[in-house]
Amino acid sequence: LFELRKIVEPSAAALAATRITEGEVAALAEALSRMSRSSPRSGAWLTAAVAFHQQILAASHNEILVSMWPAIQTTIRWSVRLQMMLPDLALASDPVADHARVFDRIAAHDPQATLTETALLTDAAYADTLSNMRRIALAGGGPLRQGGPAG
């Protein structure tokens, strides 16, 4: 799923940088604002992150890329739920700052920089997810042993 996300999302974000409307920029800014007010281990964070990434795909105005949303959403929900399972969260980077850089590039209508920042964001999410999976496994498996994160 992360490989699919890495292929789809940076391209969609680059298109969004050239096609996004003022209303879509405002919706993306609102989702980012909600992320900044939430803990990455909370349901509010998950809801805001999902809205942010869904808005990017929608702003691409490309029906085929938008149709990939269920797979992208599954990846985001799964990785954030892993974060929520950990008693203490240690992320490789600041996810709000990472998302803010993507937002800034989209709002500046810079497709190449948007593509790069979105790829970096996806790589960071993947690295954090792998790290979180290892930490959960070392702690005895918890819910992973029972078929995955709840929800």
N, C-alpha and C. Protein backbone atom coordinates (compact mmCIF):
# COMPACT_ATOMS: atom_id res chain seq x y z
N LEU A 1 0.81 -1.20 0.00
CA LEU A 1 0.00 0.00 0.00
C LEU A 1 0.85 1.26 0.00
N PHE A 2 1.96 1.23 0.74
CA PHE A 2 2.81 2.43 0.75
C PHE A 2 3.45 2.66 -0.62
N GLU A 3 3.77 1.58 -1.34
CA GLU A 3 4.31 1.77 -2.69
C GLU A 3 3.28 2.43 -3.59
N LEU A 4 2.03 1.99 -3.49
CA LEU A 4 0.96 2.61 -4.28
C LEU A 4 0.80 4.07 -3.88
N ARG A 5 0.82 4.32 -2.58
CA ARG A 5 0.70 5.70 -2.10
C ARG A 5 1.84 6.57 -2.64
N LYS A 6 3.05 6.03 -2.65
CA LYS A 6 4.22 6.79 -3.12
C LYS A 6 4.12 7.10 -4.61
N ILE A 7 3.47 6.25 -5.36
CA ILE A 7 3.28 6.49 -6.79
C ILE A 7 2.16 7.51 -7.02
N VAL A 8 1.06 7.35 -6.34
CA VAL A 8 -0.14 8.14 -6.61
C VAL A 8 -0.11 9.53 -5.97
N GLU A 9 0.19 9.58 -4.68
CA GLU A 9 -0.03 10.84 -3.97
C GLU A 9 0.88 11.98 -4.41
N PRO A 10 2.19 11.78 -4.60
CA PRO A 10 2.99 12.91 -5.09
C PRO A 10 2.52 13.44 -6.45
N SER A 11 2.13 12.53 -7.33
CA SER A 11 1.63 12.97 -8.65
C SER A 11 0.33 13.74 -8.52
N ALA A 12 -0.56 13.25 -7.67
CA ALA A 12 -1.83 13.96 -7.45
C ALA A 12 -1.57 15.33 -6.84
N ALA A 13 -0.64 15.41 -5.90
CA ALA A 13 -0.32 16.68 -5.27
C ALA A 13 0.27 17.66 -6.28
N ALA A 14 1.12 17.17 -7.16
CA ALA A 14 1.71 18.03 -8.19
C ALA A 14 0.61 18.59 -9.10
N LEU A 15 -0.33 17.75 -9.49
CA LEU A 15 -1.46 18.23 -10.29
C LEU A 15 -2.29 19.24 -9.49
N ALA A 16 -2.50 18.94 -8.21
CA ALA A 16 -3.27 19.86 -7.36
C ALA A 16 -2.61 21.23 -7.32
N ALA A 17 -1.29 21.26 -7.31
CA ALA A 17 -0.59 22.54 -7.27
C ALA A 17 -0.92 23.41 -8.49
N THR A 18 -1.26 22.79 -9.59
CA THR A 18 -1.59 23.56 -10.79
C THR A 18 -3.10 23.76 -10.97
N ARG A 19 -3.92 22.97 -10.26
CA ARG A 19 -5.36 22.99 -10.51
C ARG A 19 -6.22 23.42 -9.32
N ILE A 20 -5.64 23.54 -8.16
CA ILE A 20 -6.41 23.77 -6.93
C ILE A 20 -7.14 25.11 -6.99
N THR A 21 -8.36 25.10 -6.49
CA THR A 21 -9.16 26.33 -6.42
C THR A 21 -8.94 27.00 -5.06
N GLU A 22 -9.38 28.25 -4.95
CA GLU A 22 -9.26 28.97 -3.68
C GLU A 22 -10.02 28.25 -2.57
N GLY A 23 -11.19 27.73 -2.89
CA GLY A 23 -11.97 26.99 -1.90
C GLY A 23 -11.26 25.73 -1.44
N GLU A 24 -10.60 25.06 -2.36
CA GLU A 24 -9.85 23.85 -2.00
C GLU A 24 -8.62 24.18 -1.16
N VAL A 25 -7.96 25.32 -1.45
CA VAL A 25 -6.84 25.75 -0.62
C VAL A 25 -7.33 26.00 0.80
N ALA A 26 -8.48 26.63 0.94
CA ALA A 26 -9.05 26.90 2.26
C ALA A 26 -9.37 25.61 3.00
N ALA A 27 -9.93 24.63 2.30
CA ALA A 27 -10.25 23.34 2.93
C ALA A 27 -8.98 22.62 3.37
N LEU A 28 -7.96 22.69 2.54
CA LEU A 28 -6.67 22.07 2.87
C LEU A 28 -6.05 22.77 4.09
N ALA A 29 -6.13 24.09 4.12
CA ALA A 29 -5.60 24.86 5.25
C ALA A 29 -6.36 24.52 6.54
N GLU A 30 -7.65 24.34 6.45
CA GLU A 30 -8.45 23.98 7.63
C GLU A 30 -8.05 22.61 8.16
N ALA A 31 -7.86 21.64 7.27
CA ALA A 31 -7.43 20.31 7.70
C ALA A 31 -6.06 20.38 8.37
N LEU A 32 -5.15 21.16 7.81
CA LEU A 32 -3.82 21.33 8.40
C LEU A 32 -3.93 21.99 9.77
N SER A 33 -4.78 22.98 9.90
CA SER A 33 -4.99 23.65 11.18
C SER A 33 -5.50 22.66 12.23
N ARG A 34 -6.43 21.82 11.86
CA ARG A 34 -6.95 20.81 12.80
C ARG A 34 -5.85 19.83 13.20
N MET A 35 -4.99 19.47 12.25
CA MET A 35 -3.86 18.58 12.57
C MET A 35 -2.95 19.25 13.60
N SER A 36 -2.70 20.54 13.43
CA SER A 36 -1.78 21.25 14.32
C SER A 36 -2.33 21.36 15.74
N ARG A 37 -3.63 21.24 15.89
CA ARG A 37 -4.26 21.34 17.21
C ARG A 37 -4.48 19.98 17.86
N SER A 38 -4.03 18.90 17.21
CA SER A 38 -4.30 17.55 17.70
C SER A 38 -3.02 16.77 17.91
N SER A 39 -3.11 15.78 18.74
CA SER A 39 -1.99 14.86 18.94
C SER A 39 -2.01 13.82 17.82
N PRO A 40 -0.82 13.46 17.28
CA PRO A 40 -0.77 12.42 16.24
C PRO A 40 -1.27 11.05 16.73
N ARG A 41 -1.61 10.94 17.99
CA ARG A 41 -2.13 9.70 18.55
C ARG A 41 -3.63 9.77 18.78
N SER A 42 -4.29 10.77 18.25
CA SER A 42 -5.72 10.97 18.55
C SER A 42 -6.60 10.74 17.33
N GLY A 43 -7.86 10.49 17.63
CA GLY A 43 -8.85 10.36 16.57
C GLY A 43 -9.02 11.66 15.79
N ALA A 44 -8.87 12.79 16.48
CA ALA A 44 -8.98 14.09 15.80
C ALA A 44 -7.86 14.24 14.77
N TRP A 45 -6.66 13.80 15.12
CA TRP A 45 -5.53 13.84 14.18
C TRP A 45 -5.85 12.98 12.96
N LEU A 46 -6.32 11.77 13.21
CA LEU A 46 -6.64 10.86 12.11
C LEU A 46 -7.67 11.48 11.18
N THR A 47 -8.72 12.04 11.74
CA THR A 47 -9.76 12.66 10.92
C THR A 47 -9.20 13.82 10.09
N ALA A 48 -8.37 14.65 10.71
CA ALA A 48 -7.78 15.79 10.00
C ALA A 48 -6.80 15.33 8.93
N ALA A 49 -5.98 14.32 9.23
CA ALA A 49 -5.02 13.80 8.25
C ALA A 49 -5.75 13.20 7.06
N VAL A 50 -6.79 12.45 7.32
CA VAL A 50 -7.58 11.87 6.23
C VAL A 50 -8.17 12.98 5.36
N ALA A 51 -8.71 14.01 5.99
CA ALA A 51 -9.29 15.13 5.22
C ALA A 51 -8.22 15.83 4.39
N PHE A 52 -7.04 16.04 4.96
CA PHE A 52 -5.94 16.70 4.24
C PHE A 52 -5.58 15.91 2.98
N HIS A 53 -5.36 14.63 3.14
CA HIS A 53 -4.93 13.82 2.00
C HIS A 53 -6.04 13.62 0.98
N GLN A 54 -7.27 13.50 1.45
CA GLN A 54 -8.39 13.39 0.51
C GLN A 54 -8.54 14.67 -0.30
N GLN A 55 -8.35 15.80 0.35
CA GLN A 55 -8.45 17.09 -0.34
C GLN A 55 -7.38 17.21 -1.42
N ILE A 56 -6.19 16.70 -1.15
CA ILE A 56 -5.13 16.73 -2.17
C ILE A 56 -5.56 15.95 -3.40
N LEU A 57 -6.05 14.74 -3.19
CA LEU A 57 -6.47 13.94 -4.35
C LEU A 57 -7.61 14.63 -5.09
N ALA A 58 -8.58 15.16 -4.35
CA ALA A 58 -9.71 15.85 -5.00
C ALA A 58 -9.24 17.06 -5.79
N ALA A 59 -8.27 17.80 -5.26
CA ALA A 59 -7.76 19.01 -5.92
C ALA A 59 -6.94 18.69 -7.16
N SER A 60 -6.59 17.43 -7.35
CA SER A 60 -5.90 17.06 -8.59
C SER A 60 -6.85 17.14 -9.79
N HIS A 61 -8.15 17.06 -9.51
CA HIS A 61 -9.18 17.09 -10.54
C HIS A 61 -8.92 16.03 -11.60
N ASN A 62 -8.47 14.87 -11.14
CA ASN A 62 -8.20 13.74 -12.03
C ASN A 62 -8.97 12.54 -11.48
N GLU A 63 -10.00 12.11 -12.21
CA GLU A 63 -10.89 11.06 -11.73
C GLU A 63 -10.16 9.75 -11.43
N ILE A 64 -9.17 9.41 -12.22
CA ILE A 64 -8.45 8.16 -11.99
C ILE A 64 -7.66 8.23 -10.69
N LEU A 65 -6.96 9.33 -10.46
CA LEU A 65 -6.22 9.48 -9.20
C LEU A 65 -7.17 9.51 -8.01
N VAL A 66 -8.28 10.22 -8.15
CA VAL A 66 -9.27 10.28 -7.07
C VAL A 66 -9.81 8.88 -6.77
N SER A 67 -9.93 8.04 -7.78
CA SER A 67 -10.45 6.68 -7.57
C SER A 67 -9.49 5.82 -6.73
N MET A 68 -8.27 6.27 -6.56
CA MET A 68 -7.29 5.55 -5.74
C MET A 68 -7.45 5.87 -4.26
N TRP A 69 -8.36 6.77 -3.92
CA TRP A 69 -8.53 7.21 -2.55
C TRP A 69 -8.73 6.06 -1.55
N PRO A 70 -9.54 5.06 -1.83
CA PRO A 70 -9.71 4.00 -0.83
C PRO A 70 -8.39 3.35 -0.40
N ALA A 71 -7.49 3.12 -1.32
CA ALA A 71 -6.19 2.52 -0.96
C ALA A 71 -5.33 3.50 -0.17
N ILE A 72 -5.33 4.77 -0.57
CA ILE A 72 -4.56 5.78 0.15
C ILE A 72 -5.11 5.94 1.57
N GLN A 73 -6.43 6.02 1.66
CA GLN A 73 -7.07 6.18 2.97
C GLN A 73 -6.77 4.99 3.89
N THR A 74 -6.79 3.79 3.36
CA THR A 74 -6.48 2.60 4.15
C THR A 74 -5.08 2.70 4.73
N THR A 75 -4.13 3.12 3.92
CA THR A 75 -2.75 3.24 4.37
C THR A 75 -2.63 4.27 5.49
N ILE A 76 -3.26 5.42 5.30
CA ILE A 76 -3.19 6.49 6.30
C ILE A 76 -3.84 6.03 7.61
N ARG A 77 -5.04 5.48 7.52
CA ARG A 77 -5.74 5.04 8.72
C ARG A 77 -4.95 3.96 9.46
N TRP A 78 -4.40 3.03 8.75
CA TRP A 78 -3.64 1.94 9.37
C TRP A 78 -2.40 2.47 10.08
N SER A 79 -1.65 3.34 9.40
CA SER A 79 -0.41 3.83 10.00
C SER A 79 -0.68 4.72 11.21
N VAL A 80 -1.73 5.54 11.17
CA VAL A 80 -2.05 6.38 12.33
C VAL A 80 -2.57 5.52 13.47
N ARG A 81 -3.33 4.49 13.17
CA ARG A 81 -3.81 3.61 14.24
C ARG A 81 -2.65 2.89 14.92
N LEU A 82 -1.61 2.57 14.18
CA LEU A 82 -0.41 2.01 14.82
C LEU A 82 0.17 3.02 15.82
N GLN A 83 0.23 4.28 15.42
CA GLN A 83 0.72 5.33 16.32
C GLN A 83 -0.10 5.38 17.59
N MET A 84 -1.40 5.22 17.44
CA MET A 84 -2.32 5.32 18.58
C MET A 84 -2.14 4.16 19.55
N MET A 85 -1.58 3.06 19.08
CA MET A 85 -1.39 1.88 19.92
C MET A 85 -0.18 1.99 20.84
N LEU A 86 0.73 2.88 20.53
CA LEU A 86 1.97 2.97 21.29
C LEU A 86 1.80 3.82 22.55
N PRO A 87 2.33 3.35 23.67
CA PRO A 87 2.21 4.15 24.89
C PRO A 87 2.98 5.46 24.82
N ASP A 88 4.08 5.48 24.08
CA ASP A 88 4.84 6.71 23.86
C ASP A 88 5.19 6.75 22.38
N LEU A 89 4.97 7.89 21.79
CA LEU A 89 5.15 8.02 20.35
C LEU A 89 6.46 8.71 20.04
N ALA A 90 7.25 8.10 19.18
CA ALA A 90 8.51 8.69 18.73
C ALA A 90 8.51 8.67 17.21
N LEU A 91 8.35 9.83 16.61
CA LEU A 91 8.31 9.94 15.15
C LEU A 91 9.64 10.50 14.65
N ALA A 92 10.02 10.07 13.44
CA ALA A 92 11.30 10.50 12.86
C ALA A 92 11.29 11.99 12.50
N SER A 93 10.12 12.53 12.23
CA SER A 93 10.02 13.95 11.87
C SER A 93 8.72 14.51 12.44
N ASP A 94 8.56 15.81 12.32
CA ASP A 94 7.35 16.48 12.80
C ASP A 94 6.28 16.40 11.71
N PRO A 95 5.23 15.60 11.93
CA PRO A 95 4.25 15.41 10.86
C PRO A 95 3.49 16.69 10.49
N VAL A 96 3.29 17.60 11.43
CA VAL A 96 2.61 18.85 11.09
C VAL A 96 3.51 19.68 10.17
N ALA A 97 4.78 19.77 10.51
CA ALA A 97 5.71 20.53 9.66
C ALA A 97 5.81 19.89 8.28
N ASP A 98 5.84 18.56 8.22
CA ASP A 98 5.90 17.87 6.93
C ASP A 98 4.68 18.19 6.08
N HIS A 99 3.49 18.13 6.69
CA HIS A 99 2.26 18.45 5.96
C HIS A 99 2.20 19.93 5.59
N ALA A 100 2.71 20.79 6.47
CA ALA A 100 2.72 22.23 6.18
C ALA A 100 3.59 22.54 4.96
N ARG A 101 4.71 21.84 4.82
CA ARG A 101 5.55 22.06 3.64
C ARG A 101 4.82 21.65 2.35
N VAL A 102 4.08 20.55 2.42
CA VAL A 102 3.28 20.15 1.25
C VAL A 102 2.24 21.22 0.96
N PHE A 103 1.54 21.66 1.99
CA PHE A 103 0.53 22.71 1.81
C PHE A 103 1.13 23.96 1.19
N ASP A 104 2.26 24.41 1.73
CA ASP A 104 2.90 25.64 1.22
C ASP A 104 3.24 25.52 -0.25
N ARG A 105 3.73 24.36 -0.67
CA ARG A 105 4.10 24.16 -2.09
C ARG A 105 2.87 24.14 -2.99
N ILE A 106 1.81 23.49 -2.50
CA ILE A 106 0.57 23.48 -3.28
C ILE A 106 0.01 24.89 -3.39
N ALA A 107 -0.06 25.61 -2.27
CA ALA A 107 -0.61 26.97 -2.26
C ALA A 107 0.22 27.92 -3.12
N ALA A 108 1.52 27.63 -3.26
CA ALA A 108 2.39 28.43 -4.11
C ALA A 108 2.30 28.02 -5.57
N HIS A 109 1.50 27.01 -5.86
CA HIS A 109 1.31 26.50 -7.22
C HIS A 109 2.64 26.07 -7.85
N ASP A 110 3.43 25.34 -7.06
CA ASP A 110 4.74 24.85 -7.51
C ASP A 110 4.69 23.33 -7.61
N PRO A 111 4.36 22.80 -8.77
CA PRO A 111 4.16 21.35 -8.89
C PRO A 111 5.42 20.52 -8.61
N GLN A 112 6.58 20.96 -9.06
CA GLN A 112 7.79 20.16 -8.84
C GLN A 112 8.16 20.09 -7.36
N ALA A 113 8.11 21.22 -6.68
CA ALA A 113 8.40 21.23 -5.25
C ALA A 113 7.34 20.45 -4.47
N THR A 114 6.09 20.54 -4.92
CA THR A 114 5.01 19.78 -4.29
C THR A 114 5.26 18.29 -4.42
N LEU A 115 5.63 17.86 -5.61
CA LEU A 115 5.92 16.44 -5.84
C LEU A 115 7.03 15.97 -4.90
N THR A 116 8.09 16.75 -4.79
CA THR A 116 9.22 16.38 -3.93
C THR A 116 8.80 16.32 -2.46
N GLU A 117 8.10 17.35 -1.97
CA GLU A 117 7.70 17.39 -0.57
C GLU A 117 6.72 16.27 -0.24
N THR A 118 5.82 15.97 -1.16
CA THR A 118 4.86 14.89 -0.90
C THR A 118 5.56 13.54 -0.88
N ALA A 119 6.54 13.34 -1.74
CA ALA A 119 7.32 12.10 -1.71
C ALA A 119 8.07 11.97 -0.38
N LEU A 120 8.64 13.08 0.10
CA LEU A 120 9.33 13.06 1.39
C LEU A 120 8.36 12.76 2.54
N LEU A 121 7.18 13.34 2.49
CA LEU A 121 6.16 13.08 3.50
C LEU A 121 5.79 11.60 3.51
N THR A 122 5.60 11.03 2.34
CA THR A 122 5.24 9.62 2.23
C THR A 122 6.37 8.73 2.75
N ASP A 123 7.60 9.07 2.41
CA ASP A 123 8.75 8.30 2.91
C ASP A 123 8.83 8.36 4.44
N ALA A 124 8.59 9.53 5.02
CA ALA A 124 8.63 9.67 6.48
C ALA A 124 7.53 8.85 7.13
N ALA A 125 6.34 8.86 6.55
CA ALA A 125 5.23 8.07 7.09
C ALA A 125 5.55 6.58 7.03
N TYR A 126 6.16 6.16 5.95
CA TYR A 126 6.53 4.75 5.80
C TYR A 126 7.59 4.36 6.84
N ALA A 127 8.60 5.20 7.01
CA ALA A 127 9.65 4.92 8.00
C ALA A 127 9.06 4.85 9.41
N ASP A 128 8.18 5.79 9.73
CA ASP A 128 7.54 5.78 11.05
C ASP A 128 6.69 4.54 11.24
N THR A 129 5.98 4.14 10.21
CA THR A 129 5.12 2.94 10.31
C THR A 129 5.97 1.70 10.55
N LEU A 130 7.06 1.55 9.81
CA LEU A 130 7.94 0.40 10.04
C LEU A 130 8.50 0.41 11.45
N SER A 131 8.93 1.56 11.91
CA SER A 131 9.47 1.68 13.27
C SER A 131 8.40 1.34 14.31
N ASN A 132 7.20 1.83 14.11
CA ASN A 132 6.11 1.55 15.05
C ASN A 132 5.76 0.07 15.06
N MET A 133 5.77 -0.57 13.89
CA MET A 133 5.50 -2.00 13.83
C MET A 133 6.55 -2.78 14.62
N ARG A 134 7.82 -2.40 14.48
CA ARG A 134 8.90 -3.07 15.22
C ARG A 134 8.71 -2.89 16.72
N ARG A 135 8.38 -1.66 17.13
CA ARG A 135 8.20 -1.39 18.55
C ARG A 135 7.04 -2.19 19.13
N ILE A 136 5.96 -2.30 18.38
CA ILE A 136 4.81 -3.08 18.84
C ILE A 136 5.17 -4.56 18.92
N ALA A 137 5.87 -5.05 17.92
CA ALA A 137 6.29 -6.46 17.93
C ALA A 137 7.22 -6.75 19.11
N LEU A 138 8.14 -5.84 19.39
CA LEU A 138 9.06 -6.04 20.51
C LEU A 138 8.34 -5.99 21.86
N ALA A 139 7.23 -5.29 21.89
CA ALA A 139 6.46 -5.19 23.12
C ALA A 139 5.51 -6.36 23.30
N GLY A 140 5.61 -7.36 22.45
CA GLY A 140 4.78 -8.54 22.62
C GLY A 140 3.66 -8.68 21.62
N GLY A 141 3.63 -7.81 20.63
CA GLY A 141 2.65 -7.97 19.56
C GLY A 141 1.35 -7.26 19.81
N GLY A 142 0.86 -7.27 21.02
CA GLY A 142 -0.40 -6.60 21.32
C GLY A 142 -1.46 -6.91 20.30
N PRO A 143 -2.19 -5.90 19.85
CA PRO A 143 -3.27 -6.10 18.88
C PRO A 143 -2.80 -6.63 17.53
N LEU A 144 -1.52 -6.45 17.19
CA LEU A 144 -1.04 -6.98 15.91
C LEU A 144 -1.14 -8.49 15.89
N ARG A 145 -0.89 -9.10 17.02
CA ARG A 145 -0.96 -10.55 17.12
C ARG A 145 -2.39 -11.04 16.90
N GLN A 146 -3.36 -10.18 17.14
CA GLN A 146 -4.77 -10.56 17.03
C GLN A 146 -5.37 -10.10 15.71
N GLY A 147 -4.56 -9.82 14.71
CA GLY A 147 -5.10 -9.51 13.40
C GLY A 147 -4.99 -8.07 12.98
N GLY A 148 -4.29 -7.23 13.72
CA GLY A 148 -4.07 -5.86 13.29
C GLY A 148 -4.69 -4.86 14.21
N PRO A 149 -4.44 -3.60 13.94
CA PRO A 149 -4.98 -2.53 14.77
C PRO A 149 -6.51 -2.50 14.69
N ALA A 150 -7.12 -2.19 15.78
CA ALA A 150 -8.58 -2.16 15.83
C ALA A 150 -9.13 -1.04 14.97
N GLY A 151 -10.34 -1.24 14.51
CA GLY A 151 -10.99 -0.13 13.85
C GLY A 151 -11.32 -0.37 12.47
